[in-house]
Amino acid sequence: MPAREVDVGRSTEGGDGEGAVLGAKGARIRGETDPKRLERLAAVSKDGPSKLGAFRRAYSSKSLRAAVSAFCLECLWLDPAAIRGCTATACPLWNVRPYQSYPKEREPASDESKG
């Protein structure tokens, strides 16, 4: 049986029940058959099309980084600023969440500045 595809954003259902998964720019996403994942892709395409790539990477690879990014985006309504300021410190993924801002290391003061 061919992989089921669903349109992300608009319906392309044909008479045979097959559709096409389309990204924000109309690119096809092939091979996705899980109906729940297809629903999630459709919702992300509608609510935050710029974040669709994070979910596609998470679904199409075995990358833990991609999975954590997609999970955090889903948890905090596709808002990177909310992820950065996440207060759910009991979450097992809190230490590895994406979009964290890391303080730059201070360079040691030179002898010239003391003089």
C-alpha atoms as a PDB file:
ATOM      1  CA  MET A   1       0.000   0.000   0.000  1.00  0.00           C
ATOM      2  CA  PRO A   2       1.441   3.444  -0.890  1.00  0.00           C
ATOM      3  CA  ALA A   3       2.299   5.882   1.893  1.00  0.00           C
ATOM      4  CA  ARG A   4      -0.672   7.969   2.900  1.00  0.00           C
ATOM      5  CA  GLU A   5      -0.116  11.664   2.449  1.00  0.00           C
ATOM      6  CA  VAL A   6      -2.251  14.512   3.752  1.00  0.00           C
ATOM      7  CA  ASP A   7      -2.293  18.122   2.740  1.00  0.00           C
ATOM      8  CA  VAL A   8      -0.868  20.495   5.313  1.00  0.00           C
ATOM      9  CA  GLY A   9      -2.913  23.660   5.101  1.00  0.00           C
ATOM     10  CA  ARG A  10      -5.443  22.796   2.390  1.00  0.00           C
ATOM     11  CA  SER A  11      -7.223  19.697   1.191  1.00  0.00           C
ATOM     12  CA  THR A  12      -6.021  17.873  -1.890  1.00  0.00           C
ATOM     13  CA  GLU A  13      -7.955  14.698  -1.263  1.00  0.00           C
ATOM     14  CA  GLY A  14      -8.663  12.866  -4.463  1.00  0.00           C
ATOM     15  CA  GLY A  15     -11.209  10.204  -5.188  1.00  0.00           C
ATOM     16  CA  ASP A  16      -8.835   7.514  -3.925  1.00  0.00           C
ATOM     17  CA  GLY A  17      -8.409   9.172  -0.506  1.00  0.00           C
ATOM     18  CA  GLU A  18      -4.775   9.995  -1.174  1.00  0.00           C
ATOM     19  CA  GLY A  19      -3.598  13.546  -0.589  1.00  0.00           C
ATOM     20  CA  ALA A  20      -0.265  15.305  -0.420  1.00  0.00           C
ATOM     21  CA  VAL A  21       1.593  16.635   2.571  1.00  0.00           C
ATOM     22  CA  LEU A  22       2.664  20.125   1.646  1.00  0.00           C
ATOM     23  CA  GLY A  23       5.011  22.359   3.565  1.00  0.00           C
ATOM     24  CA  ALA A  24       4.718  26.101   3.944  1.00  0.00           C
ATOM     25  CA  LYS A  25       6.186  26.621   0.454  1.00  0.00           C
ATOM     26  CA  GLY A  26       4.303  23.738  -1.150  1.00  0.00           C
ATOM     27  CA  ALA A  27       7.111  21.181  -0.795  1.00  0.00           C
ATOM     28  CA  ARG A  28       5.882  17.633  -0.435  1.00  0.00           C
ATOM     29  CA  ILE A  29       6.559  15.649   2.721  1.00  0.00           C
ATOM     30  CA  ARG A  30       6.609  12.019   1.687  1.00  0.00           C
ATOM     31  CA  GLY A  31       6.398   8.853   3.688  1.00  0.00           C
ATOM     32  CA  GLU A  32       4.489  10.165   6.683  1.00  0.00           C
ATOM     33  CA  THR A  33       1.664   7.757   7.455  1.00  0.00           C
ATOM     34  CA  ASP A  34       0.836   8.302  11.131  1.00  0.00           C
ATOM     35  CA  PRO A  35      -2.492  10.168  11.264  1.00  0.00           C
ATOM     36  CA  LYS A  36      -1.581  11.947  14.502  1.00  0.00           C
ATOM     37  CA  ARG A  37       1.667  13.210  13.004  1.00  0.00           C
ATOM     38  CA  LEU A  38      -0.192  14.345   9.909  1.00  0.00           C
ATOM     39  CA  GLU A  39      -2.652  16.262  12.086  1.00  0.00           C
ATOM     40  CA  ARG A  40       0.244  17.866  13.979  1.00  0.00           C
ATOM     41  CA  LEU A  41       1.949  18.886  10.722  1.00  0.00           C
ATOM     42  CA  ALA A  42      -1.302  20.439   9.516  1.00  0.00           C
ATOM     43  CA  ALA A  43      -1.741  22.364  12.775  1.00  0.00           C
ATOM     44  CA  VAL A  44       1.856  23.620  12.752  1.00  0.00           C
ATOM     45  CA  SER A  45       1.535  24.640   9.113  1.00  0.00           C
ATOM     46  CA  LYS A  46      -1.516  26.702  10.013  1.00  0.00           C
ATOM     47  CA  ASP A  47      -0.353  28.184  13.339  1.00  0.00           C
ATOM     48  CA  GLY A  48       3.395  28.545  12.814  1.00  0.00           C
ATOM     49  CA  PRO A  49       4.532  27.705   9.304  1.00  0.00           C
ATOM     50  CA  SER A  50       8.083  28.880  10.047  1.00  0.00           C
ATOM     51  CA  LYS A  51       8.378  26.059  12.621  1.00  0.00           C
ATOM     52  CA  LEU A  52       7.202  23.309  10.263  1.00  0.00           C
ATOM     53  CA  GLY A  53      10.791  22.344   9.435  1.00  0.00           C
ATOM     54  CA  ALA A  54      11.515  21.469  13.072  1.00  0.00           C
ATOM     55  CA  PHE A  55       8.652  18.983  13.095  1.00  0.00           C
ATOM     56  CA  ARG A  56       9.606  17.541   9.699  1.00  0.00           C
ATOM     57  CA  ARG A  57      13.181  16.978  10.912  1.00  0.00           C
ATOM     58  CA  ALA A  58      11.926  15.333  14.099  1.00  0.00           C
ATOM     59  CA  TYR A  59       9.604  12.996  12.199  1.00  0.00           C
ATOM     60  CA  SER A  60      12.016  12.096   9.414  1.00  0.00           C
ATOM     61  CA  SER A  61      15.200  11.405  11.364  1.00  0.00           C
ATOM     62  CA  LYS A  62      16.466   9.830  14.541  1.00  0.00           C
ATOM     63  CA  SER A  63      17.941  13.114  15.729  1.00  0.00           C
ATOM     64  CA  LEU A  64      17.410  13.639  19.443  1.00  0.00           C
ATOM     65  CA  ARG A  65      18.100  17.370  19.034  1.00  0.00           C
ATOM     66  CA  ALA A  66      15.306  17.642  16.449  1.00  0.00           C
ATOM     67  CA  ALA A  67      12.925  15.689  18.689  1.00  0.00           C
ATOM     68  CA  VAL A  68      13.646  17.900  21.721  1.00  0.00           C
ATOM     69  CA  SER A  69      13.186  21.046  19.647  1.00  0.00           C
ATOM     70  CA  ALA A  70       9.848  19.862  18.272  1.00  0.00           C
ATOM     71  CA  PHE A  71       8.685  18.753  21.731  1.00  0.00           C
ATOM     72  CA  CYS A  72       9.502  22.117  23.299  1.00  0.00           C
ATOM     73  CA  LEU A  73       7.852  23.988  20.427  1.00  0.00           C
ATOM     74  CA  GLU A  74       4.717  21.893  20.863  1.00  0.00           C
ATOM     75  CA  CYS A  75       4.698  22.342  24.640  1.00  0.00           C
ATOM     76  CA  LEU A  76       4.991  26.140  24.478  1.00  0.00           C
ATOM     77  CA  TRP A  77       2.771  26.951  21.491  1.00  0.00           C
ATOM     78  CA  LEU A  78       5.534  27.366  18.880  1.00  0.00           C
ATOM     79  CA  ASP A  79       7.052  30.339  20.749  1.00  0.00           C
ATOM     80  CA  PRO A  80      10.879  30.330  20.972  1.00  0.00           C
ATOM     81  CA  ALA A  81      10.814  33.196  23.503  1.00  0.00           C
ATOM     82  CA  ALA A  82       8.594  31.134  25.799  1.00  0.00           C
ATOM     83  CA  ILE A  83      10.998  28.197  25.472  1.00  0.00           C
ATOM     84  CA  ARG A  84      13.915  30.472  26.354  1.00  0.00           C
ATOM     85  CA  GLY A  85      12.092  31.593  29.502  1.00  0.00           C
ATOM     86  CA  CYS A  86      10.603  28.193  30.346  1.00  0.00           C
ATOM     87  CA  THR A  87       9.991  27.757  34.063  1.00  0.00           C
ATOM     88  CA  ALA A  88       9.178  24.025  33.995  1.00  0.00           C
ATOM     89  CA  THR A  89      12.442  23.086  35.683  1.00  0.00           C
ATOM     90  CA  ALA A  90      11.028  19.666  36.605  1.00  0.00           C
ATOM     91  CA  CYS A  91      10.824  18.764  32.904  1.00  0.00           C
ATOM     92  CA  PRO A  92      13.527  16.211  32.040  1.00  0.00           C
ATOM     93  CA  LEU A  93      14.328  18.207  28.896  1.00  0.00           C
ATOM     94  CA  TRP A  94      14.690  21.581  30.619  1.00  0.00           C
ATOM     95  CA  ASN A  95      18.515  21.563  30.633  1.00  0.00           C
ATOM     96  CA  VAL A  96      18.691  20.708  26.926  1.00  0.00           C
ATOM     97  CA  ARG A  97      15.831  22.857  25.618  1.00  0.00           C
ATOM     98  CA  PRO A  98      16.481  24.854  22.444  1.00  0.00           C
ATOM     99  CA  TYR A  99      16.663  28.640  22.067  1.00  0.00           C
ATOM    100  CA  GLN A 100      18.632  29.161  25.294  1.00  0.00           C
ATOM    101  CA  SER A 101      20.825  32.191  25.419  1.00  0.00           C
ATOM    102  CA  TYR A 102      24.235  31.400  26.793  1.00  0.00           C
ATOM    103  CA  PRO A 103      26.246  34.174  28.441  1.00  0.00           C
ATOM    104  CA  LYS A 104      29.434  34.991  26.613  1.00  0.00           C
ATOM    105  CA  GLU A 105      32.583  34.225  28.550  1.00  0.00           C
ATOM    106  CA  ARG A 106      34.333  37.310  29.769  1.00  0.00           C
ATOM    107  CA  GLU A 107      37.843  37.773  28.548  1.00  0.00           C
ATOM    108  CA  PRO A 108      40.452  38.315  31.239  1.00  0.00           C
ATOM    109  CA  ALA A 109      41.378  41.951  31.767  1.00  0.00           C
ATOM    110  CA  SER A 110      44.658  42.905  30.180  1.00  0.00           C
ATOM    111  CA  ASP A 111      47.476  44.614  32.065  1.00  0.00           C
ATOM    112  CA  GLU A 112      47.121  47.683  29.838  1.00  0.00           C
ATOM    113  CA  SER A 113      43.673  48.497  31.208  1.00  0.00           C
ATOM    114  CA  LYS A 114      44.995  48.632  34.798  1.00  0.00           C
ATOM    115  CA  GLY A 115      47.544  51.273  34.075  1.00  0.00           C
END
